Amino acid sequence: MSLRFKVAWNTFVQFSGRFLTSIIGFLTTLFLARILGAKDYGVYAKIYTLASFFYLFIDFGLNAIYVRRFKKELTNLWAVFALRTLFFVASIILIALFFLATGNSVFTPQEKLWVLLFSPTILLFGYLTTLNIIFQLEMRYDLSVVASVLGGGAGLIILYFALQYGLIFGILALVFGYFLTFFFAYFFAKKISIFSLVKRSALNKNDMLRFLYEAFPLGTMLFLNTMYSRVDVFVLSAIKGDAAVGIYQLAYKFFEFPLAFAAFFANAVFPHYIVLYENNRPRFWVVFRKATLYLTLASFVFVIGGFILAPLLRFIKTDYAPSSLPLRILVLSFPVFFLTSALSWLLFVQKREKELIFIYGSSFLLNIVLNLIFIPYRGYIAASWITVFGEVLVLLMLIWKIKQIRH
């Protein structure tokens, strides 16, 4: 089976799965938006956005580091589960510190309780991500997809009935849906023969610290990447209120779906990048250039689709008619986001991930400043344009850094 076919097939499987789970996600968003209304949906959006920061924190790039360092050796996988458990504890501490720093300006006392009720999804996300190492190494993304569809579908049914009793029951239903997805993923992972190679505490303390040290640059980059693109939600909430958050977040939800295509493409091609870069550098550059070209061409399809579908958001509920404009602004950045994804992974393959901290850290700080300046005047429209501008800045810095390395 050719490399091109493997990459194409696994990207197709992941994206098909994403399409199915996105239907579930669409229905989830639809239920939440229609039943809750813009204001309460904005409250949920704040809760989810805060949790999503820590999804990336608990991810911390450990999967990519594991694949690069251990290849198909799974005896050390248990250590990744242990590290993600520690990261979850750190996440709860950081959330508590955030509440102390912001007082009641972003989250009310009741909403803080709801955040804590939703927080187990962070740990479940970390465990699911760890199991994906097995699916990735064995090219069995189909099993990961089936687990997501089964868990998400069951969770959706529970969510529909739970929302009739209020947002708090909806939050509990979403947590249970995450648990079901993890349960199915674990069940399917155990069916794969290499799962038996996983050993408890295979890494000693020093090895785990070294592994964590290797992951630190990529993990920090991923965390900053999410922070710089989502900090606008909290600024919007504090300045414009929860209804504005709901309108903007609905647009962002639809914007996020195609971005997963670039991530899935990277998951499929990344193990091959590692092997080619180490063993056949000329071939690597041929594959990388072609893959990046195909990825960029795909992004323009999503731009056109986003422009066509944006006006349809008003049919969810009239509250969301204004969401079409921020969605159209956001989709303009698809080619830029797809290119930054490809170039970021290029730096990682070249073991230059420390450079990414400076790039995304600079964009993060600038994003905060721009949001604080412009959101009071233009609200979510300003937030949309700042997201686009921030990603363009990241792309320019990536190109500059790669040229610098080549020289």
Protein backbone atom coordinates (compact mmCIF):
# COMPACT_ATOMS: atom_id res chain seq x y z
CA MET A 1 0.00 0.00 0.00
CA SER A 2 1.54 3.34 -1.09
CA LEU A 3 2.22 6.21 1.31
CA ARG A 4 -0.14 8.44 -0.66
CA PHE A 5 -2.96 5.92 -0.35
CA LYS A 6 -2.36 5.39 3.40
CA VAL A 7 -2.40 9.11 4.11
CA ALA A 8 -5.43 9.70 1.91
CA TRP A 9 -7.35 6.76 3.37
CA ASN A 10 -6.66 7.62 7.01
CA THR A 11 -7.44 11.29 6.42
CA PHE A 12 -10.68 10.21 4.71
CA VAL A 13 -11.58 7.88 7.59
CA GLN A 14 -10.91 10.58 10.17
CA PHE A 15 -12.73 13.25 8.23
CA SER A 16 -15.68 10.95 7.54
CA GLY A 17 -15.78 10.24 11.24
CA ARG A 18 -15.52 13.94 11.91
CA PHE A 19 -18.44 14.45 9.54
CA LEU A 20 -20.54 11.97 11.51
CA THR A 21 -19.48 13.35 14.87
CA SER A 22 -20.02 16.85 13.53
CA ILE A 23 -23.61 15.94 12.73
CA ILE A 24 -23.85 14.91 16.38
CA GLY A 25 -22.03 18.12 17.34
CA PHE A 26 -24.35 20.14 15.11
CA LEU A 27 -27.39 18.61 16.76
CA THR A 28 -25.82 19.22 20.18
CA THR A 29 -25.24 22.86 19.27
CA LEU A 30 -28.73 23.05 17.81
CA PHE A 31 -30.35 21.70 20.97
CA LEU A 32 -28.30 23.97 23.20
CA ALA A 33 -28.85 27.07 21.05
CA ARG A 34 -32.57 26.60 20.46
CA ILE A 35 -33.53 25.50 23.97
CA LEU A 36 -31.25 27.85 25.90
CA GLY A 37 -31.36 30.99 23.72
CA ALA A 38 -28.45 33.31 22.99
CA LYS A 39 -27.83 34.41 26.59
CA ASP A 40 -27.79 30.98 28.25
CA TYR A 41 -26.02 29.48 25.27
CA GLY A 42 -23.38 32.17 25.85
CA VAL A 43 -23.01 30.90 29.44
CA TYR A 44 -22.46 27.37 28.16
CA ALA A 45 -19.99 28.71 25.57
CA LYS A 46 -17.92 30.33 28.33
CA ILE A 47 -17.84 27.07 30.28
CA TYR A 48 -16.84 25.05 27.23
CA THR A 49 -14.22 27.61 26.16
CA LEU A 50 -12.53 27.53 29.56
CA ALA A 51 -12.49 23.72 29.47
CA SER A 52 -11.12 23.73 25.91
CA PHE A 53 -8.01 25.61 27.08
CA PHE A 54 -7.25 22.66 29.30
CA TYR A 55 -8.05 20.07 26.63
CA LEU A 56 -4.95 21.42 24.91
CA PHE A 57 -3.08 21.68 28.20
CA ILE A 58 -3.72 18.03 29.04
CA ASP A 59 -2.85 17.07 25.44
CA PHE A 60 0.50 18.89 25.80
CA GLY A 61 1.83 17.34 22.61
CA LEU A 62 2.54 14.07 24.43
CA ASN A 63 1.24 11.91 21.56
CA ALA A 64 3.57 13.47 19.00
CA ILE A 65 6.56 13.21 21.35
CA TYR A 66 5.71 9.59 22.14
CA VAL A 67 5.51 8.62 18.45
CA ARG A 68 8.75 10.45 17.67
CA ARG A 69 10.65 8.96 20.61
CA PHE A 70 9.31 5.42 20.99
CA LYS A 71 7.96 4.69 17.47
CA LYS A 72 5.78 1.54 17.89
CA GLU A 73 7.00 0.67 21.39
CA LEU A 74 3.98 0.68 23.72
CA THR A 75 5.52 -0.50 26.98
CA ASN A 76 5.79 3.12 28.11
CA LEU A 77 2.24 4.16 27.29
CA TRP A 78 1.03 3.84 30.87
CA ALA A 79 3.31 6.73 31.79
CA VAL A 80 1.34 8.98 29.41
CA PHE A 81 -1.88 8.11 31.29
CA ALA A 82 -0.11 8.99 34.56
CA LEU A 83 1.17 12.32 33.21
CA ARG A 84 -2.28 13.29 31.95
CA THR A 85 -3.76 12.54 35.36
CA LEU A 86 -1.23 14.93 36.90
CA PHE A 87 -2.07 17.51 34.24
CA PHE A 88 -5.75 17.24 35.15
CA VAL A 89 -4.95 18.01 38.80
CA ALA A 90 -2.89 21.00 37.62
CA SER A 91 -5.83 22.10 35.43
CA ILE A 92 -8.19 22.22 38.41
CA ILE A 93 -5.66 24.32 40.34
CA LEU A 94 -5.25 26.72 37.41
CA ILE A 95 -9.04 27.06 37.02
CA ALA A 96 -9.33 27.92 40.73
CA LEU A 97 -6.58 30.56 40.35
CA PHE A 98 -8.39 32.00 37.32
CA PHE A 99 -11.58 32.33 39.38
CA LEU A 100 -9.66 34.11 42.12
CA ALA A 101 -8.02 36.50 39.66
CA THR A 102 -11.21 37.44 37.78
CA GLY A 103 -13.66 37.49 40.71
CA ASN A 104 -17.24 37.51 39.38
CA SER A 105 -16.52 39.60 36.26
CA VAL A 106 -16.53 36.60 33.89
CA PHE A 107 -18.21 33.77 35.81
CA THR A 108 -20.87 34.11 38.48
CA PRO A 109 -20.59 31.86 41.59
CA GLN A 110 -23.21 29.52 40.11
CA GLU A 111 -21.38 29.35 36.78
CA LYS A 112 -18.14 28.51 38.61
CA LEU A 113 -19.86 25.47 40.10
CA TRP A 114 -21.00 24.44 36.62
CA VAL A 115 -17.41 24.73 35.37
CA LEU A 116 -16.28 22.30 38.07
CA LEU A 117 -19.09 19.90 37.15
CA PHE A 118 -17.93 20.03 33.53
CA SER A 119 -14.22 19.66 34.38
CA PRO A 120 -14.11 15.79 34.32
CA THR A 121 -14.35 16.10 30.53
CA ILE A 122 -10.76 17.42 30.65
CA LEU A 123 -9.47 14.16 32.14
CA LEU A 124 -11.61 12.02 29.83
CA PHE A 125 -10.30 13.99 26.85
CA GLY A 126 -6.73 13.31 28.00
CA TYR A 127 -7.35 9.58 28.32
CA LEU A 128 -9.06 9.47 24.91
CA THR A 129 -6.09 11.28 23.37
CA THR A 130 -3.73 8.71 24.91
CA LEU A 131 -5.71 5.81 23.43
CA ASN A 132 -5.40 7.51 20.04
CA ILE A 133 -1.67 6.66 20.10
CA ILE A 134 -2.67 3.02 19.66
CA PHE A 135 -5.15 3.82 16.88
CA GLN A 136 -2.58 6.04 15.17
CA LEU A 137 0.27 3.52 15.25
CA GLU A 138 -1.92 0.71 13.96
CA MET A 139 -3.71 2.96 11.44
CA ARG A 140 -7.06 2.01 12.99
CA TYR A 141 -8.68 5.42 13.06
CA ASP A 142 -11.89 3.67 12.07
CA LEU A 143 -12.16 2.25 15.59
CA SER A 144 -11.63 5.69 17.10
CA VAL A 145 -14.35 7.04 14.81
CA VAL A 146 -16.81 4.30 15.79
CA ALA A 147 -16.16 4.98 19.48
CA SER A 148 -16.80 8.70 18.99
CA VAL A 149 -20.01 8.09 17.05
CA LEU A 150 -21.39 5.58 19.56
CA GLY A 151 -20.49 7.68 22.60
CA GLY A 152 -21.52 10.97 21.03
CA GLY A 153 -24.80 9.56 19.70
CA ALA A 154 -25.81 8.11 23.06
CA GLY A 155 -24.78 11.32 24.80
CA LEU A 156 -26.84 13.37 22.36
CA ILE A 157 -30.01 11.46 23.16
CA ILE A 158 -29.42 11.91 26.88
CA LEU A 159 -28.63 15.61 26.36
CA TYR A 160 -31.91 16.27 24.52
CA PHE A 161 -33.99 15.08 27.44
CA ALA A 162 -31.67 16.55 30.11
CA LEU A 163 -31.90 20.08 28.66
CA GLN A 164 -35.62 20.12 29.33
CA TYR A 165 -34.71 20.49 33.02
CA GLY A 166 -32.10 23.25 32.61
CA LEU A 167 -28.48 23.89 31.74
CA ILE A 168 -27.03 22.11 34.77
CA PHE A 169 -28.62 18.81 33.69
CA GLY A 170 -27.35 19.44 30.18
CA ILE A 171 -23.81 19.80 31.54
CA LEU A 172 -24.09 16.51 33.43
CA ALA A 173 -25.38 14.83 30.27
CA LEU A 174 -22.39 16.13 28.28
CA VAL A 175 -19.98 14.75 30.88
CA PHE A 176 -21.69 11.37 30.70
CA GLY A 177 -21.43 11.46 26.89
CA TYR A 178 -17.65 11.99 27.18
CA PHE A 179 -17.45 9.03 29.56
CA LEU A 180 -19.32 6.79 27.11
CA THR A 181 -16.96 7.79 24.30
CA PHE A 182 -13.95 6.89 26.45
CA PHE A 183 -15.56 3.59 27.43
CA PHE A 184 -16.08 2.58 23.79
CA ALA A 185 -12.57 3.75 22.79
CA TYR A 186 -11.00 1.70 25.59
CA PHE A 187 -13.08 -1.32 24.61
CA PHE A 188 -11.91 -1.12 20.97
CA ALA A 189 -8.29 -0.39 21.91
CA LYS A 190 -8.17 -3.58 23.97
CA LYS A 191 -9.14 -5.51 20.83
CA ILE A 192 -5.93 -4.39 19.10
CA SER A 193 -3.10 -6.88 19.65
CA ILE A 194 -0.43 -4.32 20.58
CA PHE A 195 -2.54 -3.14 23.54
CA SER A 196 -1.17 -6.11 25.51
CA LEU A 197 2.29 -4.47 25.36
CA VAL A 198 1.18 -1.59 27.60
CA LYS A 199 2.85 -1.98 31.02
CA ARG A 200 2.23 -0.17 34.27
CA SER A 201 4.91 2.34 35.31
CA ALA A 202 7.36 1.26 32.62
CA LEU A 203 9.14 4.63 32.86
CA ASN A 204 10.99 5.58 36.03
CA LYS A 205 10.79 9.05 37.54
CA ASN A 206 13.80 10.44 35.67
CA ASP A 207 12.58 9.06 32.34
CA MET A 208 9.15 10.62 32.88
CA LEU A 209 10.71 13.99 33.68
CA ARG A 210 12.86 13.75 30.54
CA PHE A 211 9.81 12.83 28.48
CA LEU A 212 7.90 15.78 29.94
CA TYR A 213 10.85 18.08 29.22
CA GLU A 214 10.79 17.01 25.57
CA ALA A 215 7.06 17.67 25.37
CA PHE A 216 7.22 21.08 27.04
CA PRO A 217 7.87 23.22 23.91
CA LEU A 218 5.12 21.60 21.84
CA GLY A 219 2.70 21.48 24.75
CA THR A 220 3.26 25.14 25.52
CA MET A 221 2.77 26.01 21.85
CA LEU A 222 -0.53 24.11 21.67
CA PHE A 223 -1.77 25.78 24.85
CA LEU A 224 -0.80 29.25 23.63
CA ASN A 225 -2.35 28.45 20.24
CA THR A 226 -5.70 27.85 21.90
CA MET A 227 -5.33 30.74 24.33
CA TYR A 228 -4.59 33.34 21.68
CA SER A 229 -7.53 32.31 19.51
CA ARG A 230 -10.13 31.96 22.30
CA VAL A 231 -9.32 34.67 24.82
CA ASP A 232 -11.84 36.85 22.99
CA VAL A 233 -14.73 34.91 24.56
CA PHE A 234 -13.87 36.10 28.06
CA VAL A 235 -13.27 39.67 26.92
CA LEU A 236 -16.64 39.62 25.12
CA SER A 237 -18.37 38.23 28.19
CA ALA A 238 -16.93 40.84 30.53
CA ILE A 239 -17.60 43.79 28.18
CA LYS A 240 -20.57 42.89 25.95
CA GLY A 241 -22.41 40.21 27.92
CA ASP A 242 -23.34 36.55 27.44
CA ALA A 243 -25.71 37.12 24.48
CA ALA A 244 -22.80 38.48 22.41
CA VAL A 245 -20.77 35.43 23.42
CA GLY A 246 -23.59 33.15 22.23
CA ILE A 247 -23.82 34.87 18.82
CA TYR A 248 -20.04 34.77 18.30
CA GLN A 249 -19.58 31.26 19.62
CA LEU A 250 -22.21 29.78 17.32
CA ALA A 251 -20.29 31.22 14.36
CA TYR A 252 -17.01 29.92 15.80
CA LYS A 253 -18.46 26.43 16.27
CA PHE A 254 -19.16 26.17 12.55
CA PHE A 255 -15.77 27.72 11.76
CA GLU A 256 -13.97 25.08 13.87
CA PHE A 257 -15.30 22.07 11.97
CA PRO A 258 -13.13 22.41 8.81
CA LEU A 259 -10.07 23.20 10.93
CA ALA A 260 -10.21 19.59 12.11
CA PHE A 261 -9.46 18.49 8.53
CA ALA A 262 -5.95 19.95 8.81
CA ALA A 263 -5.46 18.25 12.19
CA PHE A 264 -6.61 14.87 10.88
CA PHE A 265 -4.41 15.23 7.81
CA ALA A 266 -1.45 15.90 10.11
CA ASN A 267 -2.31 12.84 12.24
CA ALA A 268 -2.33 10.63 9.16
CA VAL A 269 0.90 11.93 7.63
CA PHE A 270 2.95 12.69 10.76
CA PRO A 271 4.38 9.17 11.42
CA HIS A 272 5.52 9.04 7.78
CA TYR A 273 7.08 12.50 8.05
CA ILE A 274 9.19 11.28 10.97
CA VAL A 275 10.48 8.21 9.10
CA LEU A 276 11.14 10.06 5.85
CA TYR A 277 12.89 12.99 7.51
CA GLU A 278 15.27 10.63 9.32
CA ASN A 279 15.94 8.21 6.45
CA ASN A 280 15.24 9.96 3.13
CA ARG A 281 15.43 13.74 3.36
CA PRO A 282 14.90 14.49 -0.39
CA ARG A 283 11.82 12.28 -0.46
CA PHE A 284 10.52 14.00 2.68
CA TRP A 285 10.58 17.41 0.99
CA VAL A 286 8.74 16.08 -2.05
CA VAL A 287 6.02 14.56 0.16
CA PHE A 288 5.81 17.63 2.41
CA ARG A 289 5.40 20.06 -0.50
CA LYS A 290 2.71 17.95 -2.16
CA ALA A 291 0.83 17.40 1.10
CA THR A 292 0.91 21.12 1.91
CA LEU A 293 -0.33 21.99 -1.58
CA TYR A 294 -3.28 19.57 -1.32
CA LEU A 295 -4.09 20.89 2.14
CA THR A 296 -4.12 24.49 0.92
CA LEU A 297 -6.33 23.67 -2.06
CA ALA A 298 -8.80 21.92 0.27
CA SER A 299 -9.00 25.07 2.41
CA PHE A 300 -10.49 27.10 -0.46
CA VAL A 301 -13.34 24.60 -0.75
CA PHE A 302 -14.19 25.28 2.88
CA VAL A 303 -14.03 29.04 2.33
CA ILE A 304 -16.65 28.81 -0.42
CA GLY A 305 -18.81 26.46 1.63
CA GLY A 306 -18.65 28.75 4.66
CA PHE A 307 -19.77 31.77 2.66
CA ILE A 308 -22.72 29.87 1.21
CA LEU A 309 -23.88 28.35 4.50
CA ALA A 310 -23.39 31.38 6.80
CA PRO A 311 -26.85 32.95 6.22
CA LEU A 312 -28.53 29.67 7.23
CA LEU A 313 -27.57 30.17 10.88
CA ARG A 314 -30.66 32.31 11.38
CA PHE A 315 -32.83 29.19 10.94
CA ILE A 316 -31.48 27.76 14.20
CA LYS A 317 -33.14 30.64 16.01
CA THR A 318 -33.68 34.26 15.08
CA ASP A 319 -31.33 35.24 17.95
CA TYR A 320 -28.45 33.98 15.79
CA ALA A 321 -29.11 35.89 12.56
CA PRO A 322 -26.14 38.19 13.39
CA SER A 323 -23.84 35.13 13.54
CA SER A 324 -23.57 34.96 9.74
CA LEU A 325 -21.25 37.98 9.45
CA PRO A 326 -18.60 36.81 11.97
CA LEU A 327 -18.69 33.36 10.35
CA ARG A 328 -17.98 34.83 6.91
CA ILE A 329 -15.11 36.85 8.35
CA LEU A 330 -13.64 33.81 10.11
CA VAL A 331 -13.80 31.47 7.10
CA LEU A 332 -11.59 33.87 5.13
CA SER A 333 -8.70 32.62 7.28
CA PHE A 334 -9.03 28.92 6.37
CA PRO A 335 -6.06 28.94 3.92
CA VAL A 336 -3.94 30.67 6.54
CA PHE A 337 -4.92 28.24 9.32
CA PHE A 338 -4.23 25.23 7.09
CA LEU A 339 -0.79 26.56 6.14
CA THR A 340 0.17 27.36 9.73
CA SER A 341 -0.79 23.80 10.68
CA ALA A 342 1.54 22.35 8.03
CA LEU A 343 4.45 24.69 8.82
CA SER A 344 4.11 24.18 12.59
CA TRP A 345 4.47 20.43 12.15
CA LEU A 346 7.45 21.00 9.87
CA LEU A 347 9.26 22.80 12.70
CA PHE A 348 8.33 19.97 15.03
CA VAL A 349 9.70 17.32 12.66
CA GLN A 350 12.92 19.36 12.51
CA LYS A 351 12.98 19.37 16.34
CA ARG A 352 12.56 23.15 16.36
CA GLU A 353 9.40 23.18 18.45
CA LYS A 354 10.91 25.67 20.91
CA GLU A 355 10.64 28.28 18.16
CA LEU A 356 6.87 27.83 18.26
CA ILE A 357 6.65 29.12 21.83
CA PHE A 358 7.95 32.51 20.77
CA ILE A 359 5.65 32.62 17.73
CA TYR A 360 2.42 31.69 19.48
CA GLY A 361 3.36 33.53 22.67
CA SER A 362 3.81 36.78 20.73
CA SER A 363 0.50 36.30 18.95
CA PHE A 364 -1.23 35.50 22.25
CA LEU A 365 -0.07 38.73 23.91
CA LEU A 366 -0.98 40.83 20.86
CA ASN A 367 -4.39 39.15 20.67
CA ILE A 368 -5.21 40.12 24.26
CA VAL A 369 -4.22 43.74 23.68
CA LEU A 370 -6.20 44.04 20.44
CA ASN A 371 -9.30 42.45 21.95
CA LEU A 372 -9.20 44.79 24.93
CA ILE A 373 -8.86 47.78 22.61
CA PHE A 374 -11.40 46.96 19.89
CA ILE A 375 -14.09 44.71 21.42
CA PRO A 376 -15.61 47.60 23.46
CA TYR A 377 -16.30 49.39 20.15
CA ARG A 378 -17.10 46.61 17.65
CA GLY A 379 -17.88 43.55 19.78
CA TYR A 380 -17.76 40.16 18.10
CA ILE A 381 -17.01 41.71 14.68
CA ALA A 382 -13.73 42.99 16.09
CA ALA A 383 -13.08 39.58 17.70
CA SER A 384 -13.55 37.89 14.31
CA TRP A 385 -11.11 40.16 12.48
CA ILE A 386 -8.56 39.90 15.28
CA THR A 387 -8.67 36.09 14.99
CA VAL A 388 -7.92 36.39 11.26
CA PHE A 389 -5.17 38.95 11.83
CA GLY A 390 -3.59 36.85 14.59
CA GLU A 391 -3.33 33.78 12.37
CA VAL A 392 -1.84 35.81 9.50
CA LEU A 393 0.79 37.06 11.93
CA VAL A 394 1.56 33.49 13.01
CA LEU A 395 1.94 32.42 9.38
CA LEU A 396 4.34 35.27 8.60
CA MET A 397 6.47 34.45 11.64
CA LEU A 398 6.53 30.75 10.71
CA ILE A 399 7.68 31.56 7.17
CA TRP A 400 10.35 33.91 8.53
CA LYS A 401 11.60 31.29 11.00
CA ILE A 402 11.72 28.48 8.41
CA LYS A 403 13.65 30.67 5.99
CA GLN A 404 16.03 31.59 8.79
CA ILE A 405 16.62 27.92 9.60
CA ARG A 406 17.24 26.98 5.97
CA HIS A 407 19.80 29.79 5.57
